[in-house]
Amino acid sequence: RTNENNPVNHSAEHIGKFYRIEDGIKRKLYSHGGFIKKYEQQMKTFNEACIMVRPQAIEIMNFINRTDFSKPAVRYVLYGENGTGKSMTIAHLLHYGYINNFCLVHVPYIPDWYKRPKECGPSTVHEGMIDIPLDSAAWIVHYKSQHAGLLNKLDHRVTKTFEWSKREETPSGSTFLELIDHGINRAKYASDVIAALLAEIKLASTEGKIKTMVLIDGFNALFHDTTRVFSDAKKRIPVTPDKVLTTAPFLNITNYDWCNGVCVLSVDVIAKLGHEKSSDLPRYLLNKQGFEHLDPFVPIK
């Protein structure tokens, strides 16, 4: 165990030691996900949240500290066998990003949307697309929780008017908080609100108003050839991830066409649906499309 509980100060001398996360930070960052269930049970048992400092986390922190943020966003891809600490490394980096005042775009485990959606059905707005409104609204709640207080302090405002229906819109100049609350209160439009929010975050980052850290666990689920999201609930006809409304915004935010940002993504065999393990390598798990989407990236084993 180490008494250095600030991840900004972690270095090679802390590797292999556990550090404690304050209860207030734990509630703010991880209330809606970020730790695997078995680890959450252990935290309840010992009545504290601790993370082991891993060399991969230190390596990425050192890279980020030396990053020229005026250049396109760097993508880091964590890979390795199941159970080697990819999710916990992301949890550590989430805390690091929070302390460093990054805007956090964190998806605790993106395959849950494609394997176990809370609700799915044809989009009422986008023809031919499938919506998972409850999962989208839940993610917006997660984002709001992680940025509680910061949204009012920064007072970021949207740069254009977003029309949701003939009667509903978020006018240009509205705060991010107003946009977020619309997605929470009107789950019907939650997926579109995510697209609008991430587009505005990219723009604000590129203009130098904020720094953004994208953290997505199980990223390769976005490129699998099937899901358990159904276009027809009765016939149980599955769709591919590109037909799900929430896919495009997170592909957009992990592109390289913006700056003042960094992406930390993990790929995992269990993120894939119904495929037997044959490789833990990113090229296999991401498929050709996903590999080309992220190329060039920094692989971290």
C-alpha atoms as a PDB file:
ATOM      1  CA  ARG A   1       0.000   0.000   0.000  1.00  0.00           C
ATOM      2  CA  THR A   2       1.106   3.575  -0.687  1.00  0.00           C
ATOM      3  CA  ASN A   3      -0.033   6.722   1.110  1.00  0.00           C
ATOM      4  CA  GLU A   4       0.267   8.678  -2.144  1.00  0.00           C
ATOM      5  CA  ASN A   5      -3.391   8.826  -3.107  1.00  0.00           C
ATOM      6  CA  ASN A   6      -3.044  11.457  -5.830  1.00  0.00           C
ATOM      7  CA  PRO A   7      -2.589   9.666  -9.191  1.00  0.00           C
ATOM      8  CA  VAL A   8      -0.824  12.740 -10.619  1.00  0.00           C
ATOM      9  CA  ASN A   9       2.108  11.937  -8.306  1.00  0.00           C
ATOM     10  CA  HIS A  10       2.269   8.230  -9.089  1.00  0.00           C
ATOM     11  CA  SER A  11       5.529   7.015 -10.580  1.00  0.00           C
ATOM     12  CA  ALA A  12       7.565   3.844 -11.038  1.00  0.00           C
ATOM     13  CA  GLU A  13       8.269   3.669  -7.286  1.00  0.00           C
ATOM     14  CA  HIS A  14       4.543   3.095  -6.630  1.00  0.00           C
ATOM     15  CA  ILE A  15       4.111   0.193  -9.068  1.00  0.00           C
ATOM     16  CA  GLY A  16       2.552  -2.866  -7.431  1.00  0.00           C
ATOM     17  CA  LYS A  17       1.187  -0.885  -4.494  1.00  0.00           C
ATOM     18  CA  PHE A  18      -2.448  -0.060  -3.770  1.00  0.00           C
ATOM     19  CA  TYR A  19      -3.690   3.488  -3.281  1.00  0.00           C
ATOM     20  CA  ARG A  20      -7.002   4.562  -1.781  1.00  0.00           C
ATOM     21  CA  ILE A  21      -9.671   6.606  -3.568  1.00  0.00           C
ATOM     22  CA  GLU A  22     -11.550   9.091  -1.395  1.00  0.00           C
ATOM     23  CA  ASP A  23     -15.233   8.274  -0.902  1.00  0.00           C
ATOM     24  CA  GLY A  24     -16.370  11.567  -2.457  1.00  0.00           C
ATOM     25  CA  ILE A  25     -14.343  10.990  -5.623  1.00  0.00           C
ATOM     26  CA  LYS A  26     -15.484   7.365  -5.768  1.00  0.00           C
ATOM     27  CA  ARG A  27     -19.147   8.432  -5.682  1.00  0.00           C
ATOM     28  CA  LYS A  28     -18.586  11.098  -8.299  1.00  0.00           C
ATOM     29  CA  LEU A  29     -16.566   9.077 -10.806  1.00  0.00           C
ATOM     30  CA  TYR A  30     -17.635   5.462 -10.350  1.00  0.00           C
ATOM     31  CA  SER A  31     -21.240   5.499  -9.093  1.00  0.00           C
ATOM     32  CA  HIS A  32     -22.539   4.485 -12.520  1.00  0.00           C
ATOM     33  CA  GLY A  33     -19.747   2.063 -13.430  1.00  0.00           C
ATOM     34  CA  GLY A  34     -16.008   1.794 -13.810  1.00  0.00           C
ATOM     35  CA  PHE A  35     -15.202  -1.206 -11.613  1.00  0.00           C
ATOM     36  CA  ILE A  36     -15.996  -4.822 -12.436  1.00  0.00           C
ATOM     37  CA  LYS A  37     -18.695  -6.387 -10.245  1.00  0.00           C
ATOM     38  CA  LYS A  38     -16.361  -8.728  -8.368  1.00  0.00           C
ATOM     39  CA  TYR A  39     -14.173  -5.786  -7.423  1.00  0.00           C
ATOM     40  CA  GLU A  40     -17.189  -3.770  -6.273  1.00  0.00           C
ATOM     41  CA  GLN A  41     -18.060  -6.657  -3.952  1.00  0.00           C
ATOM     42  CA  GLN A  42     -14.533  -6.598  -2.531  1.00  0.00           C
ATOM     43  CA  MET A  43     -14.756  -2.851  -1.963  1.00  0.00           C
ATOM     44  CA  LYS A  44     -17.958  -3.351   0.029  1.00  0.00           C
ATOM     45  CA  THR A  45     -16.327  -6.113   2.043  1.00  0.00           C
ATOM     46  CA  PHE A  46     -13.290  -3.984   2.978  1.00  0.00           C
ATOM     47  CA  ASN A  47     -15.279  -0.733   3.059  1.00  0.00           C
ATOM     48  CA  GLU A  48     -12.785   1.149   0.897  1.00  0.00           C
ATOM     49  CA  ALA A  49     -11.905   1.598  -2.785  1.00  0.00           C
ATOM     50  CA  CYS A  50      -8.321   0.813  -3.708  1.00  0.00           C
ATOM     51  CA  ILE A  51      -6.559   0.492  -7.059  1.00  0.00           C
ATOM     52  CA  MET A  52      -3.199  -1.111  -7.689  1.00  0.00           C
ATOM     53  CA  VAL A  53      -0.710   1.092  -9.516  1.00  0.00           C
ATOM     54  CA  ARG A  54       0.178  -0.786 -12.698  1.00  0.00           C
ATOM     55  CA  PRO A  55       3.148  -0.076 -14.993  1.00  0.00           C
ATOM     56  CA  GLN A  56       0.780   0.354 -17.957  1.00  0.00           C
ATOM     57  CA  ALA A  57      -1.055   3.207 -16.183  1.00  0.00           C
ATOM     58  CA  ILE A  58       2.244   4.915 -15.313  1.00  0.00           C
ATOM     59  CA  GLU A  59       3.407   4.495 -18.920  1.00  0.00           C
ATOM     60  CA  ILE A  60       0.279   6.158 -20.329  1.00  0.00           C
ATOM     61  CA  MET A  61       0.401   8.944 -17.708  1.00  0.00           C
ATOM     62  CA  ASN A  62       4.004   9.676 -18.704  1.00  0.00           C
ATOM     63  CA  PHE A  63       2.988   9.767 -22.363  1.00  0.00           C
ATOM     64  CA  ILE A  64       0.096  12.150 -21.602  1.00  0.00           C
ATOM     65  CA  ASN A  65       2.364  14.417 -19.541  1.00  0.00           C
ATOM     66  CA  ARG A  66       4.647  14.774 -22.574  1.00  0.00           C
ATOM     67  CA  THR A  67       1.849  15.134 -25.136  1.00  0.00           C
ATOM     68  CA  ASP A  68       1.678  18.098 -27.503  1.00  0.00           C
ATOM     69  CA  PHE A  69      -2.064  18.737 -27.320  1.00  0.00           C
ATOM     70  CA  SER A  70      -1.984  20.994 -30.371  1.00  0.00           C
ATOM     71  CA  LYS A  71      -1.507  17.840 -32.446  1.00  0.00           C
ATOM     72  CA  PRO A  72      -4.293  15.325 -33.330  1.00  0.00           C
ATOM     73  CA  ALA A  73      -5.632  13.225 -30.443  1.00  0.00           C
ATOM     74  CA  VAL A  74      -3.456  10.213 -29.627  1.00  0.00           C
ATOM     75  CA  ARG A  75      -5.234   6.862 -29.232  1.00  0.00           C
ATOM     76  CA  TYR A  76      -3.894   4.296 -26.733  1.00  0.00           C
ATOM     77  CA  VAL A  77      -5.205   0.734 -26.983  1.00  0.00           C
ATOM     78  CA  LEU A  78      -4.941  -1.570 -23.969  1.00  0.00           C
ATOM     79  CA  TYR A  79      -4.914  -5.256 -24.871  1.00  0.00           C
ATOM     80  CA  GLY A  80      -4.099  -8.550 -23.202  1.00  0.00           C
ATOM     81  CA  GLU A  81      -5.638 -11.658 -21.720  1.00  0.00           C
ATOM     82  CA  ASN A  82      -8.855 -11.459 -19.731  1.00  0.00           C
ATOM     83  CA  GLY A  83      -8.198 -10.554 -16.100  1.00  0.00           C
ATOM     84  CA  THR A  84      -4.835  -8.837 -16.548  1.00  0.00           C
ATOM     85  CA  GLY A  85      -6.046  -5.407 -15.408  1.00  0.00           C
ATOM     86  CA  LYS A  86      -7.265  -3.455 -18.458  1.00  0.00           C
ATOM     87  CA  SER A  87     -10.453  -2.216 -16.781  1.00  0.00           C
ATOM     88  CA  MET A  88      -8.627  -1.308 -13.559  1.00  0.00           C
ATOM     89  CA  THR A  89      -5.994   0.591 -15.558  1.00  0.00           C
ATOM     90  CA  ILE A  90      -8.787   2.605 -17.171  1.00  0.00           C
ATOM     91  CA  ALA A  91     -10.289   3.236 -13.711  1.00  0.00           C
ATOM     92  CA  HIS A  92      -6.900   4.541 -12.530  1.00  0.00           C
ATOM     93  CA  LEU A  93      -6.546   6.801 -15.579  1.00  0.00           C
ATOM     94  CA  LEU A  94     -10.096   8.078 -15.057  1.00  0.00           C
ATOM     95  CA  HIS A  95      -9.067   9.324 -11.604  1.00  0.00           C
ATOM     96  CA  TYR A  96      -5.888  10.811 -13.112  1.00  0.00           C
ATOM     97  CA  GLY A  97      -7.918  12.622 -15.791  1.00  0.00           C
ATOM     98  CA  TYR A  98     -10.326  13.986 -13.187  1.00  0.00           C
ATOM     99  CA  ILE A  99      -7.509  15.396 -11.037  1.00  0.00           C
ATOM    100  CA  ASN A 100      -5.951  16.981 -14.148  1.00  0.00           C
ATOM    101  CA  ASN A 101      -9.237  18.730 -15.042  1.00  0.00           C
ATOM    102  CA  PHE A 102      -9.871  16.811 -18.248  1.00  0.00           C
ATOM    103  CA  CYS A 103     -13.396  16.698 -19.620  1.00  0.00           C
ATOM    104  CA  LEU A 104     -14.140  12.974 -19.241  1.00  0.00           C
ATOM    105  CA  VAL A 105     -15.938  10.933 -21.880  1.00  0.00           C
ATOM    106  CA  HIS A 106     -16.071   7.620 -20.040  1.00  0.00           C
ATOM    107  CA  VAL A 107     -17.983   4.482 -21.021  1.00  0.00           C
ATOM    108  CA  PRO A 108     -17.515   1.879 -18.242  1.00  0.00           C
ATOM    109  CA  TYR A 109     -18.167  -1.104 -20.550  1.00  0.00           C
ATOM    110  CA  ILE A 110     -19.585  -0.404 -23.978  1.00  0.00           C
ATOM    111  CA  PRO A 111     -20.414  -4.070 -24.852  1.00  0.00           C
ATOM    112  CA  ASP A 112     -23.269  -3.931 -22.300  1.00  0.00           C
ATOM    113  CA  TRP A 113     -25.211  -1.772 -24.768  1.00  0.00           C
ATOM    114  CA  TYR A 114     -24.902  -4.374 -27.503  1.00  0.00           C
ATOM    115  CA  LYS A 115     -25.196  -7.533 -25.402  1.00  0.00           C
ATOM    116  CA  ARG A 116     -27.728  -6.496 -22.739  1.00  0.00           C
ATOM    117  CA  PRO A 117     -29.646  -3.398 -23.859  1.00  0.00           C
ATOM    118  CA  LYS A 118     -32.279  -2.218 -21.371  1.00  0.00           C
ATOM    119  CA  GLU A 119     -34.644  -1.454 -24.234  1.00  0.00           C
ATOM    120  CA  CYS A 120     -34.334  -1.377 -27.999  1.00  0.00           C
ATOM    121  CA  GLY A 121     -36.554  -0.537 -30.918  1.00  0.00           C
ATOM    122  CA  PRO A 122     -36.704   1.302 -34.250  1.00  0.00           C
ATOM    123  CA  SER A 123     -35.788   4.960 -33.994  1.00  0.00           C
ATOM    124  CA  THR A 124     -38.719   7.328 -34.353  1.00  0.00           C
ATOM    125  CA  VAL A 125     -36.389   9.991 -35.725  1.00  0.00           C
ATOM    126  CA  HIS A 126     -33.846   8.176 -37.907  1.00  0.00           C
ATOM    127  CA  GLU A 127     -35.330   5.728 -40.381  1.00  0.00           C
ATOM    128  CA  GLY A 128     -33.624   2.343 -40.524  1.00  0.00           C
ATOM    129  CA  MET A 129     -31.741   2.880 -37.256  1.00  0.00           C
ATOM    130  CA  ILE A 130     -32.263   1.176 -33.894  1.00  0.00           C
ATOM    131  CA  ASP A 131     -32.357   3.147 -30.666  1.00  0.00           C
ATOM    132  CA  ILE A 132     -31.404   2.109 -27.120  1.00  0.00           C
ATOM    133  CA  PRO A 133     -32.885   5.144 -25.325  1.00  0.00           C
ATOM    134  CA  LEU A 134     -32.634   3.976 -21.704  1.00  0.00           C
ATOM    135  CA  ASP A 135     -28.948   3.077 -22.033  1.00  0.00           C
ATOM    136  CA  SER A 136     -28.284   6.409 -23.730  1.00  0.00           C
ATOM    137  CA  ALA A 137     -30.090   8.356 -20.998  1.00  0.00           C
ATOM    138  CA  ALA A 138     -28.209   6.380 -18.315  1.00  0.00           C
ATOM    139  CA  TRP A 139     -24.875   7.324 -19.918  1.00  0.00           C
ATOM    140  CA  ILE A 140     -25.850  11.006 -19.916  1.00  0.00           C
ATOM    141  CA  VAL A 141     -26.636  10.712 -16.178  1.00  0.00           C
ATOM    142  CA  HIS A 142     -23.175   9.152 -15.739  1.00  0.00           C
ATOM    143  CA  TYR A 143     -21.551  12.041 -17.624  1.00  0.00           C
ATOM    144  CA  LYS A 144     -23.453  14.617 -15.566  1.00  0.00           C
ATOM    145  CA  SER A 145     -22.450  12.891 -12.313  1.00  0.00           C
ATOM    146  CA  GLN A 146     -18.756  12.929 -13.248  1.00  0.00           C
ATOM    147  CA  HIS A 147     -18.880  16.639 -14.098  1.00  0.00           C
ATOM    148  CA  ALA A 148     -21.081  17.818 -11.221  1.00  0.00           C
ATOM    149  CA  GLY A 149     -20.199  21.404 -10.383  1.00  0.00           C
ATOM    150  CA  LEU A 150     -17.717  21.665 -13.264  1.00  0.00           C
ATOM    151  CA  LEU A 151     -20.458  22.242 -15.853  1.00  0.00           C
ATOM    152  CA  ASN A 152     -21.682  25.355 -14.045  1.00  0.00           C
ATOM    153  CA  LYS A 153     -18.149  26.563 -13.392  1.00  0.00           C
ATOM    154  CA  LEU A 154     -16.984  26.289 -17.018  1.00  0.00           C
ATOM    155  CA  ASP A 155     -20.275  27.575 -18.464  1.00  0.00           C
ATOM    156  CA  HIS A 156     -19.744  25.940 -21.874  1.00  0.00           C
ATOM    157  CA  ARG A 157     -22.421  26.730 -24.434  1.00  0.00           C
ATOM    158  CA  VAL A 158     -23.558  24.947 -27.600  1.00  0.00           C
ATOM    159  CA  THR A 159     -22.562  26.587 -30.865  1.00  0.00           C
ATOM    160  CA  LYS A 160     -25.694  25.826 -32.872  1.00  0.00           C
ATOM    161  CA  THR A 161     -29.395  25.112 -32.461  1.00  0.00           C
ATOM    162  CA  PHE A 162     -30.391  21.456 -32.096  1.00  0.00           C
ATOM    163  CA  GLU A 163     -33.946  20.700 -33.200  1.00  0.00           C
ATOM    164  CA  TRP A 164     -35.459  17.583 -31.620  1.00  0.00           C
ATOM    165  CA  SER A 165     -39.012  17.967 -32.950  1.00  0.00           C
ATOM    166  CA  LYS A 166     -41.279  20.692 -34.300  1.00  0.00           C
ATOM    167  CA  ARG A 167     -41.841  21.944 -30.765  1.00  0.00           C
ATOM    168  CA  GLU A 168     -38.595  21.044 -29.007  1.00  0.00           C
ATOM    169  CA  GLU A 169     -35.152  22.482 -29.543  1.00  0.00           C
ATOM    170  CA  THR A 170     -31.982  23.434 -27.711  1.00  0.00           C
ATOM    171  CA  PRO A 171     -31.134  26.900 -29.067  1.00  0.00           C
ATOM    172  CA  SER A 172     -27.623  28.083 -29.848  1.00  0.00           C
ATOM    173  CA  GLY A 173     -26.049  29.592 -26.736  1.00  0.00           C
ATOM    174  CA  SER A 174     -27.684  27.095 -24.350  1.00  0.00           C
ATOM    175  CA  THR A 175     -25.390  25.645 -21.709  1.00  0.00           C
ATOM    176  CA  PHE A 176     -24.075  22.098 -21.884  1.00  0.00           C
ATOM    177  CA  LEU A 177     -26.106  21.453 -18.737  1.00  0.00           C
ATOM    178  CA  GLU A 178     -29.349  22.371 -20.523  1.00  0.00           C
ATOM    179  CA  LEU A 179     -28.468  20.018 -23.371  1.00  0.00           C
ATOM    180  CA  ILE A 180     -27.650  17.239 -20.900  1.00  0.00           C
ATOM    181  CA  ASP A 181     -30.863  17.705 -18.905  1.00  0.00           C
ATOM    182  CA  HIS A 182     -32.899  17.483 -22.112  1.00  0.00           C
ATOM    183  CA  GLY A 183     -31.356  14.075 -22.854  1.00  0.00           C
ATOM    184  CA  ILE A 184     -32.119  12.867 -19.325  1.00  0.00           C
ATOM    185  CA  ASN A 185     -35.689  14.171 -19.212  1.00  0.00           C
ATOM    186  CA  ARG A 186     -36.554  13.101 -22.768  1.00  0.00           C
ATOM    187  CA  ALA A 187     -34.996   9.659 -23.209  1.00  0.00           C
ATOM    188  CA  LYS A 188     -36.585   9.518 -26.655  1.00  0.00           C
ATOM    189  CA  TYR A 189     -33.900  11.957 -27.795  1.00  0.00           C
ATOM    190  CA  ALA A 190     -31.063  10.743 -25.548  1.00  0.00           C
ATOM    191  CA  SER A 191     -29.046   9.140 -28.355  1.00  0.00           C
ATOM    192  CA  ASP A 192     -29.253  12.329 -30.426  1.00  0.00           C
ATOM    193  CA  VAL A 193     -28.254  14.373 -27.371  1.00  0.00           C
ATOM    194  CA  ILE A 194     -25.150  12.171 -26.983  1.00  0.00           C
ATOM    195  CA  ALA A 195     -24.230  12.866 -30.625  1.00  0.00           C
ATOM    196  CA  ALA A 196     -24.730  16.610 -30.095  1.00  0.00           C
ATOM    197  CA  LEU A 197     -22.819  16.649 -26.794  1.00  0.00           C
ATOM    198  CA  LEU A 198     -19.793  14.747 -28.133  1.00  0.00           C
ATOM    199  CA  ALA A 199     -19.682  16.916 -31.257  1.00  0.00           C
ATOM    200  CA  GLU A 200     -19.681  20.050 -29.075  1.00  0.00           C
ATOM    201  CA  ILE A 201     -16.979  18.571 -26.812  1.00  0.00           C
ATOM    202  CA  LYS A 202     -14.770  17.893 -29.854  1.00  0.00           C
ATOM    203  CA  LEU A 203     -15.290  21.422 -31.084  1.00  0.00           C
ATOM    204  CA  ALA A 204     -14.576  23.001 -27.686  1.00  0.00           C
ATOM    205  CA  SER A 205     -11.409  20.887 -27.373  1.00  0.00           C
ATOM    206  CA  THR A 206     -10.178  21.803 -30.840  1.00  0.00           C
ATOM    207  CA  GLU A 207     -10.750  25.502 -30.052  1.00  0.00           C
ATOM    208  CA  GLY A 208      -8.626  25.096 -26.924  1.00  0.00           C
ATOM    209  CA  LYS A 209     -11.415  25.745 -24.422  1.00  0.00           C
ATOM    210  CA  ILE A 210     -11.078  22.340 -22.716  1.00  0.00           C
ATOM    211  CA  LYS A 211      -8.908  19.218 -22.659  1.00  0.00           C
ATOM    212  CA  THR A 212     -10.748  15.947 -23.152  1.00  0.00           C
ATOM    213  CA  MET A 213      -9.956  12.380 -22.136  1.00  0.00           C
ATOM    214  CA  VAL A 214     -11.960   9.589 -23.769  1.00  0.00           C
ATOM    215  CA  LEU A 215     -11.959   6.280 -21.867  1.00  0.00           C
ATOM    216  CA  ILE A 216     -13.893   3.339 -23.312  1.00  0.00           C
ATOM    217  CA  ASP A 217     -13.659  -0.229 -22.047  1.00  0.00           C
ATOM    218  CA  GLY A 218     -14.425  -3.042 -24.527  1.00  0.00           C
ATOM    219  CA  PHE A 219     -14.124  -0.745 -27.543  1.00  0.00           C
ATOM    220  CA  ASN A 220     -13.984  -3.606 -30.062  1.00  0.00           C
ATOM    221  CA  ALA A 221     -17.695  -4.297 -29.458  1.00  0.00           C
ATOM    222  CA  LEU A 222     -18.337  -1.415 -31.886  1.00  0.00           C
ATOM    223  CA  PHE A 223     -16.935  -3.495 -34.743  1.00  0.00           C
ATOM    224  CA  HIS A 224     -18.400  -6.933 -34.142  1.00  0.00           C
ATOM    225  CA  ASP A 225     -20.576  -8.492 -36.837  1.00  0.00           C
ATOM    226  CA  THR A 226     -23.667  -8.949 -34.649  1.00  0.00           C
ATOM    227  CA  THR A 227     -25.372  -7.743 -31.452  1.00  0.00           C
ATOM    228  CA  ARG A 228     -28.325  -8.604 -29.235  1.00  0.00           C
ATOM    229  CA  VAL A 229     -30.005  -5.376 -30.278  1.00  0.00           C
ATOM    230  CA  PHE A 230     -33.031  -6.416 -32.315  1.00  0.00           C
ATOM    231  CA  SER A 231     -34.729  -4.580 -35.172  1.00  0.00           C
ATOM    232  CA  ASP A 232     -37.798  -6.737 -34.571  1.00  0.00           C
ATOM    233  CA  ALA A 233     -38.331  -7.782 -30.959  1.00  0.00           C
ATOM    234  CA  LYS A 234     -40.823 -10.537 -31.832  1.00  0.00           C
ATOM    235  CA  LYS A 235     -38.720 -12.118 -34.561  1.00  0.00           C
ATOM    236  CA  ARG A 236     -35.521 -11.302 -32.622  1.00  0.00           C
ATOM    237  CA  ILE A 237     -33.647 -10.130 -35.705  1.00  0.00           C
ATOM    238  CA  PRO A 238     -30.249  -8.775 -34.550  1.00  0.00           C
ATOM    239  CA  VAL A 239     -28.572  -5.775 -36.137  1.00  0.00           C
ATOM    240  CA  THR A 240     -24.920  -4.866 -36.608  1.00  0.00           C
ATOM    241  CA  PRO A 241     -23.427  -2.156 -34.337  1.00  0.00           C
ATOM    242  CA  ASP A 242     -23.445   0.459 -37.114  1.00  0.00           C
ATOM    243  CA  LYS A 243     -27.267   0.336 -37.086  1.00  0.00           C
ATOM    244  CA  VAL A 244     -27.393   1.357 -33.404  1.00  0.00           C
ATOM    245  CA  LEU A 245     -27.725   5.117 -32.898  1.00  0.00           C
ATOM    246  CA  THR A 246     -25.131   5.392 -30.133  1.00  0.00           C
ATOM    247  CA  THR A 247     -22.343   3.825 -32.233  1.00  0.00           C
ATOM    248  CA  ALA A 248     -21.571   6.742 -34.564  1.00  0.00           C
ATOM    249  CA  PRO A 249     -21.000   9.397 -31.845  1.00  0.00           C
ATOM    250  CA  PHE A 250     -18.395   7.272 -30.061  1.00  0.00           C
ATOM    251  CA  LEU A 251     -16.655   6.432 -33.338  1.00  0.00           C
ATOM    252  CA  ASN A 252     -16.600  10.153 -34.052  1.00  0.00           C
ATOM    253  CA  ILE A 253     -15.046  11.085 -30.698  1.00  0.00           C
ATOM    254  CA  THR A 254     -12.330   8.413 -31.121  1.00  0.00           C
ATOM    255  CA  ASN A 255     -11.281   9.710 -34.534  1.00  0.00           C
ATOM    256  CA  TYR A 256      -8.024  11.633 -34.977  1.00  0.00           C
ATOM    257  CA  ASP A 257      -9.571  14.796 -36.504  1.00  0.00           C
ATOM    258  CA  TRP A 258      -9.420  16.928 -33.335  1.00  0.00           C
ATOM    259  CA  CYS A 259      -6.878  18.115 -30.803  1.00  0.00           C
ATOM    260  CA  ASN A 260      -6.532  18.881 -27.082  1.00  0.00           C
ATOM    261  CA  GLY A 261      -7.612  15.327 -26.418  1.00  0.00           C
ATOM    262  CA  VAL A 262      -6.461  11.797 -25.701  1.00  0.00           C
ATOM    263  CA  CYS A 263      -8.244   8.444 -26.066  1.00  0.00           C
ATOM    264  CA  VAL A 264      -7.607   5.374 -23.902  1.00  0.00           C
ATOM    265  CA  LEU A 265      -9.455   2.331 -25.201  1.00  0.00           C
ATOM    266  CA  SER A 266      -9.387  -1.344 -24.331  1.00  0.00           C
ATOM    267  CA  VAL A 267     -10.056  -4.370 -26.506  1.00  0.00           C
ATOM    268  CA  ASP A 268     -11.130  -7.661 -25.012  1.00  0.00           C
ATOM    269  CA  VAL A 269     -12.150 -11.137 -26.138  1.00  0.00           C
ATOM    270  CA  ILE A 270     -15.259 -11.128 -23.936  1.00  0.00           C
ATOM    271  CA  ALA A 271     -16.428  -7.899 -25.588  1.00  0.00           C
ATOM    272  CA  LYS A 272     -17.089  -9.937 -28.729  1.00  0.00           C
ATOM    273  CA  LEU A 273     -20.366 -11.770 -29.041  1.00  0.00           C
ATOM    274  CA  GLY A 274     -20.410 -15.533 -29.596  1.00  0.00           C
ATOM    275  CA  HIS A 275     -16.855 -15.935 -30.851  1.00  0.00           C
ATOM    276  CA  GLU A 276     -14.356 -18.383 -29.448  1.00  0.00           C
ATOM    277  CA  LYS A 277     -11.034 -16.958 -28.376  1.00  0.00           C
ATOM    278  CA  SER A 278      -8.194 -17.254 -30.839  1.00  0.00           C
ATOM    279  CA  SER A 279      -6.165 -14.070 -30.206  1.00  0.00           C
ATOM    280  CA  ASP A 280      -5.902 -11.193 -27.739  1.00  0.00           C
ATOM    281  CA  LEU A 281      -4.268  -8.908 -30.295  1.00  0.00           C
ATOM    282  CA  PRO A 282      -5.952  -5.655 -31.414  1.00  0.00           C
ATOM    283  CA  ARG A 283      -5.877  -6.562 -35.108  1.00  0.00           C
ATOM    284  CA  TYR A 284      -8.005  -9.663 -34.483  1.00  0.00           C
ATOM    285  CA  LEU A 285     -10.350  -8.098 -31.936  1.00  0.00           C
ATOM    286  CA  LEU A 286     -10.996  -4.862 -33.841  1.00  0.00           C
ATOM    287  CA  ASN A 287     -11.460  -6.519 -37.234  1.00  0.00           C
ATOM    288  CA  LYS A 288     -10.159  -4.709 -40.320  1.00  0.00           C
ATOM    289  CA  GLN A 289     -12.637  -1.830 -39.982  1.00  0.00           C
ATOM    290  CA  GLY A 290     -11.841  -1.083 -36.347  1.00  0.00           C
ATOM    291  CA  PHE A 291      -8.091  -1.390 -36.849  1.00  0.00           C
ATOM    292  CA  GLU A 292      -8.184   1.081 -39.732  1.00  0.00           C
ATOM    293  CA  HIS A 293     -10.392   3.428 -37.706  1.00  0.00           C
ATOM    294  CA  LEU A 294      -7.790   3.667 -34.928  1.00  0.00           C
ATOM    295  CA  ASP A 295      -4.612   3.420 -37.005  1.00  0.00           C
ATOM    296  CA  PRO A 296      -2.181   4.861 -36.006  1.00  0.00           C
ATOM    297  CA  PHE A 297      -2.505   4.068 -32.308  1.00  0.00           C
ATOM    298  CA  VAL A 298      -0.190   3.209 -29.419  1.00  0.00           C
ATOM    299  CA  PRO A 299      -0.685  -0.417 -28.265  1.00  0.00           C
ATOM    300  CA  ILE A 300      -0.179  -1.067 -24.542  1.00  0.00           C
ATOM    301  CA  LYS A 301       0.004  -4.748 -23.541  1.00  0.00           C
END
